[in-house]
Amino acid sequence: MYFATSDTGLFHALDAKTGAPVFSLDFKHWPMFSSPALAGDFAYLGSHDGRLLAINLKSKNLAWSFDTEGRKQNAAAYTKQDGVPNYEAVFFDFFYDDMVAGVAKMISTGAVLSSPAIAGDTILFGSADGTLYAIQ
């Protein structure tokens, strides 16, 4: 079983029969809302930081990632030096309007909230930057 979390930014692999952890990968606490798409030895997963992640399930590591245009334009402003989200840069207060504005800024990283789809050798996914990506 494969899944990611929105609270810890972790990708988990569990043994389907026992539920025992097989491995997990830390993606710097960037939330992940999409479900992974599986094809061959890979799991493809969207991240709130504006990337499509390709995880090699045999080697248990990140094989490659694809940056959305939103990430290229805005992620640096909302990411700390160590790669974690810079929530302090976008959330100034806990008033409703401030929270809505902060979420909009975080979404501007080209967040990939949808689950990728595989069609032949093409990976399709949508981004909050308004683009439907098709990569091979």
N, C-alpha and C. Protein backbone atom coordinates (compact mmCIF):
# COMPACT_ATOMS: atom_id res chain seq x y z
N MET A 1 0.85 -1.17 0.00
CA MET A 1 0.00 0.00 0.00
C MET A 1 0.89 1.22 0.00
N TYR A 2 0.48 2.23 -0.75
CA TYR A 2 1.24 3.46 -0.86
C TYR A 2 0.32 4.64 -0.62
N PHE A 3 0.79 5.59 0.18
CA PHE A 3 0.02 6.81 0.43
C PHE A 3 0.95 7.89 0.96
N ALA A 4 0.48 9.12 0.88
CA ALA A 4 1.22 10.25 1.42
C ALA A 4 0.31 11.00 2.39
N THR A 5 0.91 11.88 3.16
CA THR A 5 0.14 12.58 4.19
C THR A 5 0.17 14.09 3.97
N SER A 6 -0.92 14.73 4.37
CA SER A 6 -0.99 16.18 4.27
C SER A 6 -0.42 16.85 5.51
N ASP A 7 -0.28 16.13 6.59
CA ASP A 7 0.21 16.76 7.83
C ASP A 7 1.72 16.66 8.00
N THR A 8 2.34 15.60 7.52
CA THR A 8 3.78 15.42 7.74
C THR A 8 4.61 15.50 6.47
N GLY A 9 3.97 15.44 5.29
CA GLY A 9 4.72 15.44 4.04
C GLY A 9 5.51 14.17 3.84
N LEU A 10 5.02 13.07 4.38
CA LEU A 10 5.70 11.79 4.24
C LEU A 10 4.98 10.91 3.21
N PHE A 11 5.75 10.18 2.43
CA PHE A 11 5.24 9.14 1.55
C PHE A 11 5.52 7.82 2.25
N HIS A 12 4.50 6.98 2.37
CA HIS A 12 4.62 5.71 3.08
C HIS A 12 4.37 4.52 2.16
N ALA A 13 5.12 3.46 2.37
CA ALA A 13 4.88 2.18 1.72
C ALA A 13 4.69 1.16 2.84
N LEU A 14 3.56 0.45 2.79
CA LEU A 14 3.24 -0.57 3.80
C LEU A 14 3.05 -1.92 3.12
N ASP A 15 3.36 -2.98 3.84
CA ASP A 15 3.07 -4.32 3.37
C ASP A 15 1.55 -4.50 3.36
N ALA A 16 0.98 -4.84 2.23
CA ALA A 16 -0.49 -4.92 2.11
C ALA A 16 -1.09 -6.03 2.96
N LYS A 17 -0.35 -7.09 3.22
CA LYS A 17 -0.89 -8.20 4.01
C LYS A 17 -0.81 -7.94 5.51
N THR A 18 0.29 -7.37 5.95
CA THR A 18 0.51 -7.21 7.39
C THR A 18 0.32 -5.78 7.89
N GLY A 19 0.41 -4.81 6.99
CA GLY A 19 0.35 -3.41 7.40
C GLY A 19 1.67 -2.90 7.95
N ALA A 20 2.69 -3.74 7.93
CA ALA A 20 4.00 -3.35 8.46
C ALA A 20 4.66 -2.32 7.53
N PRO A 21 5.31 -1.32 8.11
CA PRO A 21 6.01 -0.33 7.28
C PRO A 21 7.13 -0.97 6.47
N VAL A 22 7.22 -0.59 5.20
CA VAL A 22 8.30 -1.05 4.32
C VAL A 22 9.35 0.05 4.21
N PHE A 23 8.88 1.27 3.91
CA PHE A 23 9.77 2.43 3.90
C PHE A 23 8.91 3.69 3.87
N SER A 24 9.54 4.81 4.17
CA SER A 24 8.89 6.11 4.03
C SER A 24 9.93 7.12 3.55
N LEU A 25 9.45 8.15 2.88
CA LEU A 25 10.31 9.22 2.39
C LEU A 25 9.77 10.55 2.91
N ASP A 26 10.66 11.41 3.34
CA ASP A 26 10.28 12.72 3.88
C ASP A 26 10.43 13.77 2.79
N PHE A 27 9.35 14.49 2.52
CA PHE A 27 9.38 15.54 1.52
C PHE A 27 9.25 16.91 2.18
N LYS A 28 10.00 17.09 3.23
CA LYS A 28 10.19 18.40 3.88
C LYS A 28 8.91 19.05 4.39
N HIS A 29 7.97 18.24 4.82
CA HIS A 29 6.72 18.72 5.42
C HIS A 29 5.81 19.48 4.46
N TRP A 30 6.07 19.37 3.15
CA TRP A 30 5.12 19.95 2.20
C TRP A 30 3.93 19.00 2.12
N PRO A 31 2.72 19.50 2.34
CA PRO A 31 1.55 18.63 2.31
C PRO A 31 1.37 17.95 0.96
N MET A 32 0.80 16.76 1.02
CA MET A 32 0.46 16.02 -0.20
C MET A 32 -0.98 15.55 -0.08
N PHE A 33 -1.80 15.97 -1.03
CA PHE A 33 -3.22 15.63 -1.02
C PHE A 33 -3.58 14.62 -2.09
N SER A 34 -2.71 14.41 -3.05
CA SER A 34 -3.04 13.49 -4.13
C SER A 34 -2.74 12.05 -3.72
N SER A 35 -3.40 11.14 -4.39
CA SER A 35 -3.10 9.72 -4.22
C SER A 35 -2.06 9.34 -5.25
N PRO A 36 -1.15 8.44 -4.92
CA PRO A 36 -0.14 8.06 -5.91
C PRO A 36 -0.75 7.23 -7.05
N ALA A 37 -0.21 7.45 -8.24
CA ALA A 37 -0.53 6.62 -9.40
C ALA A 37 0.64 5.66 -9.58
N LEU A 38 0.35 4.38 -9.76
CA LEU A 38 1.39 3.37 -9.87
C LEU A 38 1.53 2.90 -11.31
N ALA A 39 2.78 2.80 -11.76
CA ALA A 39 3.08 2.28 -13.10
C ALA A 39 4.46 1.65 -13.05
N GLY A 40 4.52 0.34 -13.32
CA GLY A 40 5.81 -0.35 -13.26
C GLY A 40 6.39 -0.28 -11.86
N ASP A 41 7.63 0.14 -11.76
CA ASP A 41 8.32 0.24 -10.47
C ASP A 41 8.23 1.63 -9.86
N PHE A 42 7.28 2.44 -10.34
CA PHE A 42 7.22 3.82 -9.89
C PHE A 42 5.87 4.19 -9.31
N ALA A 43 5.91 5.10 -8.35
CA ALA A 43 4.72 5.77 -7.83
C ALA A 43 4.87 7.24 -8.18
N TYR A 44 3.82 7.83 -8.76
CA TYR A 44 3.83 9.24 -9.13
C TYR A 44 2.86 9.97 -8.22
N LEU A 45 3.31 11.09 -7.69
CA LEU A 45 2.55 11.76 -6.64
C LEU A 45 2.74 13.26 -6.75
N GLY A 46 1.65 14.00 -6.54
CA GLY A 46 1.73 15.46 -6.55
C GLY A 46 2.02 16.00 -5.17
N SER A 47 2.68 17.15 -5.12
CA SER A 47 3.02 17.79 -3.86
C SER A 47 2.54 19.24 -3.86
N HIS A 48 2.27 19.73 -2.67
CA HIS A 48 1.80 21.11 -2.51
C HIS A 48 2.88 22.11 -2.89
N ASP A 49 4.13 21.68 -2.97
CA ASP A 49 5.21 22.60 -3.34
C ASP A 49 5.36 22.75 -4.85
N GLY A 50 4.40 22.22 -5.62
CA GLY A 50 4.39 22.43 -7.05
C GLY A 50 5.24 21.45 -7.83
N ARG A 51 5.37 20.23 -7.31
CA ARG A 51 6.17 19.23 -8.02
C ARG A 51 5.37 17.95 -8.21
N LEU A 52 5.67 17.27 -9.32
CA LEU A 52 5.25 15.89 -9.49
C LEU A 52 6.47 15.06 -9.09
N LEU A 53 6.27 14.12 -8.19
CA LEU A 53 7.35 13.29 -7.67
C LEU A 53 7.27 11.90 -8.29
N ALA A 54 8.40 11.37 -8.72
CA ALA A 54 8.48 10.00 -9.24
C ALA A 54 9.33 9.21 -8.25
N ILE A 55 8.70 8.28 -7.57
CA ILE A 55 9.37 7.49 -6.54
C ILE A 55 9.64 6.10 -7.09
N ASN A 56 10.90 5.70 -7.06
CA ASN A 56 11.29 4.36 -7.48
C ASN A 56 10.99 3.42 -6.31
N LEU A 57 10.04 2.52 -6.51
CA LEU A 57 9.60 1.64 -5.43
C LEU A 57 10.61 0.54 -5.12
N LYS A 58 11.48 0.20 -6.07
CA LYS A 58 12.50 -0.82 -5.82
C LYS A 58 13.68 -0.24 -5.03
N SER A 59 14.16 0.93 -5.46
CA SER A 59 15.30 1.53 -4.76
C SER A 59 14.86 2.34 -3.54
N LYS A 60 13.55 2.59 -3.42
CA LYS A 60 12.97 3.28 -2.28
C LYS A 60 13.47 4.71 -2.14
N ASN A 61 13.58 5.40 -3.28
CA ASN A 61 13.99 6.80 -3.21
C ASN A 61 13.35 7.60 -4.34
N LEU A 62 13.54 8.91 -4.27
CA LEU A 62 13.02 9.78 -5.30
C LEU A 62 13.87 9.61 -6.55
N ALA A 63 13.24 9.23 -7.66
CA ALA A 63 13.95 9.04 -8.92
C ALA A 63 14.12 10.38 -9.64
N TRP A 64 13.04 11.16 -9.69
CA TRP A 64 13.08 12.47 -10.31
C TRP A 64 11.85 13.26 -9.88
N SER A 65 11.88 14.55 -10.17
CA SER A 65 10.71 15.39 -9.92
C SER A 65 10.56 16.37 -11.08
N PHE A 66 9.34 16.81 -11.27
CA PHE A 66 9.02 17.78 -12.31
C PHE A 66 8.45 19.02 -11.64
N ASP A 67 9.00 20.19 -11.95
CA ASP A 67 8.55 21.46 -11.39
C ASP A 67 7.49 22.11 -12.28
N THR A 68 6.38 22.51 -11.67
CA THR A 68 5.37 23.27 -12.40
C THR A 68 5.87 24.70 -12.63
N GLU A 69 5.21 25.39 -13.52
CA GLU A 69 5.57 26.79 -13.76
C GLU A 69 5.33 27.62 -12.50
N GLY A 70 4.26 27.32 -11.76
CA GLY A 70 4.00 28.03 -10.51
C GLY A 70 5.13 27.86 -9.51
N ARG A 71 5.69 26.66 -9.45
CA ARG A 71 6.82 26.43 -8.55
C ARG A 71 8.02 27.26 -8.99
N LYS A 72 8.30 27.24 -10.29
CA LYS A 72 9.45 27.99 -10.80
C LYS A 72 9.34 29.47 -10.47
N GLN A 73 8.11 29.99 -10.50
CA GLN A 73 7.90 31.42 -10.27
C GLN A 73 7.81 31.80 -8.79
N ASN A 74 7.23 30.93 -7.94
CA ASN A 74 6.87 31.37 -6.60
C ASN A 74 7.42 30.56 -5.43
N ALA A 75 7.90 29.36 -5.67
CA ALA A 75 8.27 28.50 -4.54
C ALA A 75 9.41 29.06 -3.69
N ALA A 76 10.36 29.72 -4.30
CA ALA A 76 11.50 30.24 -3.53
C ALA A 76 11.05 31.21 -2.44
N ALA A 77 10.01 31.99 -2.71
CA ALA A 77 9.53 32.96 -1.73
C ALA A 77 8.86 32.29 -0.53
N TYR A 78 8.39 31.07 -0.71
CA TYR A 78 7.63 30.40 0.35
C TYR A 78 8.31 29.14 0.87
N THR A 79 9.60 29.02 0.60
CA THR A 79 10.37 27.86 1.04
C THR A 79 11.58 28.34 1.83
N LYS A 80 11.81 27.72 2.98
CA LYS A 80 12.99 28.06 3.78
C LYS A 80 14.23 27.41 3.18
N GLN A 81 15.39 27.83 3.65
CA GLN A 81 16.65 27.31 3.13
C GLN A 81 16.75 25.80 3.21
N ASP A 82 16.17 25.18 4.25
CA ASP A 82 16.25 23.73 4.41
C ASP A 82 15.18 22.97 3.62
N GLY A 83 14.37 23.69 2.83
CA GLY A 83 13.38 23.05 1.97
C GLY A 83 11.99 22.95 2.54
N VAL A 84 11.78 23.29 3.79
CA VAL A 84 10.45 23.19 4.40
C VAL A 84 9.63 24.43 4.05
N PRO A 85 8.30 24.33 4.12
CA PRO A 85 7.46 25.49 3.82
C PRO A 85 7.76 26.65 4.79
N ASN A 86 7.74 27.85 4.26
CA ASN A 86 7.96 29.04 5.08
C ASN A 86 6.60 29.66 5.41
N TYR A 87 5.90 29.02 6.32
CA TYR A 87 4.56 29.49 6.69
C TYR A 87 4.60 30.88 7.31
N GLU A 88 5.69 31.22 7.97
CA GLU A 88 5.81 32.54 8.58
C GLU A 88 5.77 33.64 7.53
N ALA A 89 6.18 33.35 6.31
CA ALA A 89 6.19 34.35 5.23
C ALA A 89 4.81 34.62 4.67
N VAL A 90 3.84 33.75 4.94
CA VAL A 90 2.51 33.92 4.35
C VAL A 90 1.39 34.04 5.36
N PHE A 91 1.56 33.51 6.54
CA PHE A 91 0.50 33.57 7.55
C PHE A 91 0.91 34.55 8.65
N PHE A 92 0.34 35.75 8.58
CA PHE A 92 0.73 36.79 9.53
C PHE A 92 -0.14 36.81 10.78
N ASP A 93 -1.34 36.29 10.68
CA ASP A 93 -2.26 36.31 11.80
C ASP A 93 -3.27 35.18 11.63
N PHE A 94 -4.12 34.98 12.60
CA PHE A 94 -5.10 33.91 12.54
C PHE A 94 -6.50 34.40 12.20
N PHE A 95 -6.62 35.65 11.76
CA PHE A 95 -7.90 36.14 11.30
C PHE A 95 -8.24 35.45 9.99
N TYR A 96 -9.52 35.28 9.72
CA TYR A 96 -9.97 34.54 8.55
C TYR A 96 -9.35 35.09 7.26
N ASP A 97 -9.43 36.41 7.06
CA ASP A 97 -8.92 37.00 5.82
C ASP A 97 -7.42 36.74 5.66
N ASP A 98 -6.67 36.79 6.75
CA ASP A 98 -5.24 36.51 6.69
C ASP A 98 -4.96 35.05 6.33
N MET A 99 -5.78 34.16 6.84
CA MET A 99 -5.61 32.74 6.53
C MET A 99 -5.92 32.47 5.06
N VAL A 100 -6.99 33.06 4.55
CA VAL A 100 -7.36 32.88 3.15
C VAL A 100 -6.26 33.42 2.24
N ALA A 101 -5.73 34.58 2.56
CA ALA A 101 -4.65 35.16 1.75
C ALA A 101 -3.40 34.28 1.82
N GLY A 102 -3.09 33.74 2.99
CA GLY A 102 -1.93 32.87 3.14
C GLY A 102 -2.05 31.59 2.34
N VAL A 103 -3.23 30.99 2.36
CA VAL A 103 -3.46 29.76 1.58
C VAL A 103 -3.31 30.06 0.09
N ALA A 104 -3.82 31.20 -0.35
CA ALA A 104 -3.69 31.57 -1.77
C ALA A 104 -2.22 31.71 -2.16
N LYS A 105 -1.42 32.27 -1.27
CA LYS A 105 0.02 32.40 -1.56
C LYS A 105 0.67 31.03 -1.66
N MET A 106 0.33 30.13 -0.75
CA MET A 106 0.93 28.79 -0.77
C MET A 106 0.49 28.01 -2.02
N ILE A 107 -0.74 28.21 -2.45
CA ILE A 107 -1.24 27.55 -3.66
C ILE A 107 -0.52 28.07 -4.90
N SER A 108 -0.03 29.30 -4.83
CA SER A 108 0.63 29.91 -5.99
C SER A 108 1.94 29.21 -6.36
N THR A 109 2.37 28.26 -5.53
CA THR A 109 3.56 27.47 -5.87
C THR A 109 3.26 26.46 -6.97
N GLY A 110 2.04 26.48 -7.50
CA GLY A 110 1.67 25.50 -8.52
C GLY A 110 1.33 24.18 -7.89
N ALA A 111 0.77 24.23 -6.69
CA ALA A 111 0.45 23.02 -5.94
C ALA A 111 -0.24 21.99 -6.82
N VAL A 112 0.20 20.74 -6.67
CA VAL A 112 -0.42 19.62 -7.39
C VAL A 112 -1.31 18.90 -6.38
N LEU A 113 -2.57 19.24 -6.41
CA LEU A 113 -3.53 18.69 -5.46
C LEU A 113 -4.26 17.47 -6.02
N SER A 114 -4.27 17.36 -7.33
CA SER A 114 -4.96 16.24 -7.97
C SER A 114 -4.05 15.02 -8.03
N SER A 115 -4.66 13.87 -8.22
CA SER A 115 -3.89 12.64 -8.38
C SER A 115 -3.49 12.49 -9.84
N PRO A 116 -2.24 12.12 -10.10
CA PRO A 116 -1.82 11.93 -11.49
C PRO A 116 -2.55 10.75 -12.13
N ALA A 117 -2.64 10.79 -13.44
CA ALA A 117 -3.21 9.68 -14.22
C ALA A 117 -2.16 9.25 -15.23
N ILE A 118 -2.10 7.95 -15.47
CA ILE A 118 -1.14 7.39 -16.42
C ILE A 118 -1.91 6.94 -17.66
N ALA A 119 -1.46 7.36 -18.84
CA ALA A 119 -2.04 6.92 -20.11
C ALA A 119 -0.88 6.53 -21.02
N GLY A 120 -0.64 5.22 -21.13
CA GLY A 120 0.51 4.74 -21.90
C GLY A 120 1.80 5.18 -21.23
N ASP A 121 2.60 5.95 -21.94
CA ASP A 121 3.85 6.43 -21.35
C ASP A 121 3.77 7.91 -20.97
N THR A 122 2.53 8.42 -20.81
CA THR A 122 2.31 9.82 -20.46
C THR A 122 1.71 9.92 -19.07
N ILE A 123 2.22 10.86 -18.29
CA ILE A 123 1.68 11.15 -16.96
C ILE A 123 0.94 12.47 -17.07
N LEU A 124 -0.32 12.47 -16.70
CA LEU A 124 -1.16 13.66 -16.75
C LEU A 124 -1.48 14.11 -15.33
N PHE A 125 -1.39 15.41 -15.09
CA PHE A 125 -1.78 15.93 -13.79
C PHE A 125 -2.08 17.42 -13.90
N GLY A 126 -2.96 17.87 -13.04
CA GLY A 126 -3.32 19.28 -13.00
C GLY A 126 -2.59 19.99 -11.89
N SER A 127 -2.43 21.29 -12.06
CA SER A 127 -1.75 22.11 -11.07
C SER A 127 -2.60 23.32 -10.74
N ALA A 128 -2.40 23.86 -9.55
CA ALA A 128 -3.10 25.08 -9.16
C ALA A 128 -2.62 26.29 -9.94
N ASP A 129 -1.57 26.14 -10.76
CA ASP A 129 -1.15 27.25 -11.62
C ASP A 129 -2.03 27.33 -12.87
N GLY A 130 -3.05 26.45 -12.96
CA GLY A 130 -4.01 26.51 -14.06
C GLY A 130 -3.62 25.69 -15.27
N THR A 131 -2.62 24.83 -15.12
CA THR A 131 -2.13 24.07 -16.26
C THR A 131 -2.40 22.58 -16.07
N LEU A 132 -2.80 21.93 -17.15
CA LEU A 132 -2.85 20.47 -17.20
C LEU A 132 -1.55 20.05 -17.86
N TYR A 133 -0.72 19.33 -17.13
CA TYR A 133 0.57 18.88 -17.62
C TYR A 133 0.46 17.47 -18.17
N ALA A 134 1.18 17.21 -19.25
CA ALA A 134 1.30 15.86 -19.84
C ALA A 134 2.79 15.67 -20.10
N ILE A 135 3.42 14.81 -19.29
CA ILE A 135 4.86 14.60 -19.44
C ILE A 135 5.14 13.14 -19.74
N GLN A 136 6.25 12.91 -20.44
CA GLN A 136 6.64 11.55 -20.79
C GLN A 136 8.01 11.25 -20.21
